[in-house]
């Protein structure tokens, strides 16, 4: 998941839950150290199967295992409240568009259409 609309799409496709670790990473509430690099703020993000996590929580990667994740720097996003607000707004808008009164109605009312062109030329022309 990368955009708030992706959460609505997942529920529309029938998901019972959506894992949002990547979307929530980089916020104040994550507890990660904020690092400043080239004038920009970042946080260190790592999966729990990464060597970083195993070093921190288990004393290292056991000889019978291998690390499966990686450690990356993500742009610092500040408070998580804005991200949650965007996600909820996207889900509410989606429900309105398809006429779903309750979240559990979303899969029954959603139709996905495959497109080959997603660029809105009208908006693009006005940007220049």
C-alpha atoms as a PDB file:
ATOM      1  CA  UNK A   1       0.000   0.000   0.000  1.00  0.00           C
ATOM      2  CA  UNK A   2       1.388   3.360  -0.942  1.00  0.00           C
ATOM      3  CA  UNK A   3      -1.525   5.768  -1.319  1.00  0.00           C
ATOM      4  CA  UNK A   4      -4.637   6.279   0.818  1.00  0.00           C
ATOM      5  CA  UNK A   5      -6.811   5.201  -2.134  1.00  0.00           C
ATOM      6  CA  UNK A   6      -5.089   1.811  -2.113  1.00  0.00           C
ATOM      7  CA  UNK A   7      -6.760   1.025   1.225  1.00  0.00           C
ATOM      8  CA  UNK A   8     -10.191   1.673  -0.286  1.00  0.00           C
ATOM      9  CA  UNK A   9      -9.293  -0.498  -3.290  1.00  0.00           C
ATOM     10  CA  UNK A  10      -8.254  -3.354  -0.994  1.00  0.00           C
ATOM     11  CA  UNK A  11     -11.567  -3.222   0.890  1.00  0.00           C
ATOM     12  CA  UNK A  12     -13.424  -2.912  -2.409  1.00  0.00           C
ATOM     13  CA  UNK A  13     -11.674  -6.063  -3.609  1.00  0.00           C
ATOM     14  CA  UNK A  14     -12.909  -7.929  -0.527  1.00  0.00           C
ATOM     15  CA  UNK A  15     -10.058  -7.620   1.989  1.00  0.00           C
ATOM     16  CA  UNK A  16     -11.013  -8.105   5.645  1.00  0.00           C
ATOM     17  CA  UNK A  17      -7.999  -6.091   6.768  1.00  0.00           C
ATOM     18  CA  UNK A  18      -5.131  -4.116   5.277  1.00  0.00           C
ATOM     19  CA  UNK A  19      -1.557  -4.169   6.549  1.00  0.00           C
ATOM     20  CA  UNK A  20      -0.281  -0.596   6.712  1.00  0.00           C
ATOM     21  CA  UNK A  21       3.181  -0.860   8.240  1.00  0.00           C
ATOM     22  CA  UNK A  22       4.836   0.776   5.256  1.00  0.00           C
ATOM     23  CA  UNK A  23       2.339   3.646   5.209  1.00  0.00           C
ATOM     24  CA  UNK A  24       2.689   4.204   8.947  1.00  0.00           C
ATOM     25  CA  UNK A  25       6.490   4.020   8.902  1.00  0.00           C
ATOM     26  CA  UNK A  26       8.297   7.324   9.116  1.00  0.00           C
ATOM     27  CA  UNK A  27       5.951   9.039  11.557  1.00  0.00           C
ATOM     28  CA  UNK A  28       6.664  10.400  15.043  1.00  0.00           C
ATOM     29  CA  UNK A  29       4.692   7.622  16.684  1.00  0.00           C
ATOM     30  CA  UNK A  30       6.886   4.894  15.198  1.00  0.00           C
ATOM     31  CA  UNK A  31       9.610   5.618  17.706  1.00  0.00           C
ATOM     32  CA  UNK A  32      12.427   5.452  15.167  1.00  0.00           C
ATOM     33  CA  UNK A  33      15.414   7.733  15.390  1.00  0.00           C
ATOM     34  CA  UNK A  34      15.092  10.822  13.186  1.00  0.00           C
ATOM     35  CA  UNK A  35      18.217  11.286  11.068  1.00  0.00           C
ATOM     36  CA  UNK A  36      19.101  14.478   9.225  1.00  0.00           C
ATOM     37  CA  UNK A  37      20.901  14.000   5.909  1.00  0.00           C
ATOM     38  CA  UNK A  38      21.566  16.722   3.330  1.00  0.00           C
ATOM     39  CA  UNK A  39      19.094  19.028   5.061  1.00  0.00           C
ATOM     40  CA  UNK A  40      16.243  16.468   4.931  1.00  0.00           C
ATOM     41  CA  UNK A  41      14.816  14.446   7.822  1.00  0.00           C
ATOM     42  CA  UNK A  42      14.597  10.650   7.577  1.00  0.00           C
ATOM     43  CA  UNK A  43      13.817   7.696   9.831  1.00  0.00           C
ATOM     44  CA  UNK A  44      15.412   4.270   9.701  1.00  0.00           C
ATOM     45  CA  UNK A  45      12.849   1.642   8.676  1.00  0.00           C
ATOM     46  CA  UNK A  46      13.459  -2.070   8.882  1.00  0.00           C
ATOM     47  CA  UNK A  47      11.365  -5.219   8.730  1.00  0.00           C
ATOM     48  CA  UNK A  48      11.368  -7.625  11.647  1.00  0.00           C
ATOM     49  CA  UNK A  49      13.171 -10.283   9.586  1.00  0.00           C
ATOM     50  CA  UNK A  50      15.982  -7.889   8.694  1.00  0.00           C
ATOM     51  CA  UNK A  51      19.497  -8.151  10.070  1.00  0.00           C
ATOM     52  CA  UNK A  52      18.947  -4.800  11.832  1.00  0.00           C
ATOM     53  CA  UNK A  53      15.950  -6.173  13.771  1.00  0.00           C
ATOM     54  CA  UNK A  54      17.705  -9.416  14.627  1.00  0.00           C
ATOM     55  CA  UNK A  55      20.760  -7.532  15.911  1.00  0.00           C
ATOM     56  CA  UNK A  56      18.588  -5.228  17.989  1.00  0.00           C
ATOM     57  CA  UNK A  57      16.163  -7.784  19.440  1.00  0.00           C
ATOM     58  CA  UNK A  58      17.901 -11.175  19.290  1.00  0.00           C
ATOM     59  CA  UNK A  59      21.599 -10.432  19.470  1.00  0.00           C
ATOM     60  CA  UNK A  60      22.203 -11.134  15.792  1.00  0.00           C
ATOM     61  CA  UNK A  61      21.242 -13.431  12.960  1.00  0.00           C
ATOM     62  CA  UNK A  62      21.332 -17.031  14.158  1.00  0.00           C
ATOM     63  CA  UNK A  63      23.594 -19.353  12.161  1.00  0.00           C
ATOM     64  CA  UNK A  64      20.620 -21.417  11.001  1.00  0.00           C
ATOM     65  CA  UNK A  65      18.759 -18.357   9.656  1.00  0.00           C
ATOM     66  CA  UNK A  66      19.184 -15.628   7.109  1.00  0.00           C
ATOM     67  CA  UNK A  67      17.865 -12.108   7.157  1.00  0.00           C
ATOM     68  CA  UNK A  68      14.918 -11.608   4.838  1.00  0.00           C
ATOM     69  CA  UNK A  69      14.278  -7.905   5.114  1.00  0.00           C
ATOM     70  CA  UNK A  70      16.233  -4.773   4.505  1.00  0.00           C
ATOM     71  CA  UNK A  71      16.910  -1.488   6.261  1.00  0.00           C
ATOM     72  CA  UNK A  72      16.125   1.770   4.466  1.00  0.00           C
ATOM     73  CA  UNK A  73      15.841   5.472   5.216  1.00  0.00           C
ATOM     74  CA  UNK A  74      12.336   6.858   4.704  1.00  0.00           C
ATOM     75  CA  UNK A  75      11.375  10.519   4.548  1.00  0.00           C
ATOM     76  CA  UNK A  76      10.191  11.738   7.947  1.00  0.00           C
ATOM     77  CA  UNK A  77       6.408  12.266   7.847  1.00  0.00           C
ATOM     78  CA  UNK A  78       5.676  13.919  11.202  1.00  0.00           C
ATOM     79  CA  UNK A  79       2.467  13.081  13.063  1.00  0.00           C
ATOM     80  CA  UNK A  80       0.500  10.039  11.944  1.00  0.00           C
ATOM     81  CA  UNK A  81      -2.814  11.871  12.375  1.00  0.00           C
ATOM     82  CA  UNK A  82      -2.686  13.389   8.870  1.00  0.00           C
ATOM     83  CA  UNK A  83      -2.015  10.025   7.225  1.00  0.00           C
ATOM     84  CA  UNK A  84      -4.890   8.378   9.099  1.00  0.00           C
ATOM     85  CA  UNK A  85      -7.147  11.279   8.152  1.00  0.00           C
ATOM     86  CA  UNK A  86      -6.224  10.789   4.466  1.00  0.00           C
ATOM     87  CA  UNK A  87      -6.878   7.036   4.645  1.00  0.00           C
ATOM     88  CA  UNK A  88     -10.277   7.457   6.303  1.00  0.00           C
ATOM     89  CA  UNK A  89     -11.218  10.223   3.878  1.00  0.00           C
ATOM     90  CA  UNK A  90     -10.316   7.996   0.929  1.00  0.00           C
ATOM     91  CA  UNK A  91     -12.414   5.112   2.257  1.00  0.00           C
ATOM     92  CA  UNK A  92     -15.363   7.428   2.960  1.00  0.00           C
ATOM     93  CA  UNK A  93     -15.157   8.923  -0.542  1.00  0.00           C
ATOM     94  CA  UNK A  94     -14.996   5.477  -2.091  1.00  0.00           C
ATOM     95  CA  UNK A  95     -18.079   4.362  -0.155  1.00  0.00           C
ATOM     96  CA  UNK A  96     -19.902   7.464  -1.363  1.00  0.00           C
ATOM     97  CA  UNK A  97     -18.888   6.876  -5.006  1.00  0.00           C
ATOM     98  CA  UNK A  98     -20.191   3.290  -5.032  1.00  0.00           C
ATOM     99  CA  UNK A  99     -23.204   3.829  -2.741  1.00  0.00           C
ATOM    100  CA  UNK A 100     -21.981   1.710   0.170  1.00  0.00           C
ATOM    101  CA  UNK A 101     -23.491   2.762   3.497  1.00  0.00           C
ATOM    102  CA  UNK A 102     -21.285   0.370   5.488  1.00  0.00           C
ATOM    103  CA  UNK A 103     -17.726  -0.781   4.873  1.00  0.00           C
ATOM    104  CA  UNK A 104     -18.844  -4.412   4.581  1.00  0.00           C
ATOM    105  CA  UNK A 105     -21.015  -3.406   1.581  1.00  0.00           C
ATOM    106  CA  UNK A 106     -18.006  -2.090  -0.344  1.00  0.00           C
ATOM    107  CA  UNK A 107     -16.996  -5.362  -2.089  1.00  0.00           C
ATOM    108  CA  UNK A 108     -20.575  -5.975  -3.233  1.00  0.00           C
ATOM    109  CA  UNK A 109     -20.851  -2.534  -4.814  1.00  0.00           C
ATOM    110  CA  UNK A 110     -17.347  -2.154  -6.269  1.00  0.00           C
ATOM    111  CA  UNK A 111     -16.491  -2.879  -9.888  1.00  0.00           C
ATOM    112  CA  UNK A 112     -12.908  -2.732 -11.087  1.00  0.00           C
ATOM    113  CA  UNK A 113     -12.157  -1.691 -14.650  1.00  0.00           C
ATOM    114  CA  UNK A 114      -8.813  -2.317 -16.305  1.00  0.00           C
ATOM    115  CA  UNK A 115      -7.473   0.764 -18.052  1.00  0.00           C
ATOM    116  CA  UNK A 116      -4.541   1.295 -20.358  1.00  0.00           C
ATOM    117  CA  UNK A 117      -4.408   5.073 -20.072  1.00  0.00           C
ATOM    118  CA  UNK A 118      -4.659   6.842 -16.728  1.00  0.00           C
ATOM    119  CA  UNK A 119      -3.423  10.308 -17.604  1.00  0.00           C
ATOM    120  CA  UNK A 120      -6.003  13.079 -17.454  1.00  0.00           C
ATOM    121  CA  UNK A 121      -4.958  15.322 -20.351  1.00  0.00           C
ATOM    122  CA  UNK A 122      -7.273  18.171 -19.264  1.00  0.00           C
ATOM    123  CA  UNK A 123      -5.599  18.507 -15.874  1.00  0.00           C
ATOM    124  CA  UNK A 124      -2.136  18.006 -17.345  1.00  0.00           C
ATOM    125  CA  UNK A 125      -2.600  20.895 -19.789  1.00  0.00           C
ATOM    126  CA  UNK A 126      -3.590  23.263 -16.971  1.00  0.00           C
ATOM    127  CA  UNK A 127      -0.480  22.402 -14.923  1.00  0.00           C
ATOM    128  CA  UNK A 128       1.860  24.022 -17.459  1.00  0.00           C
END
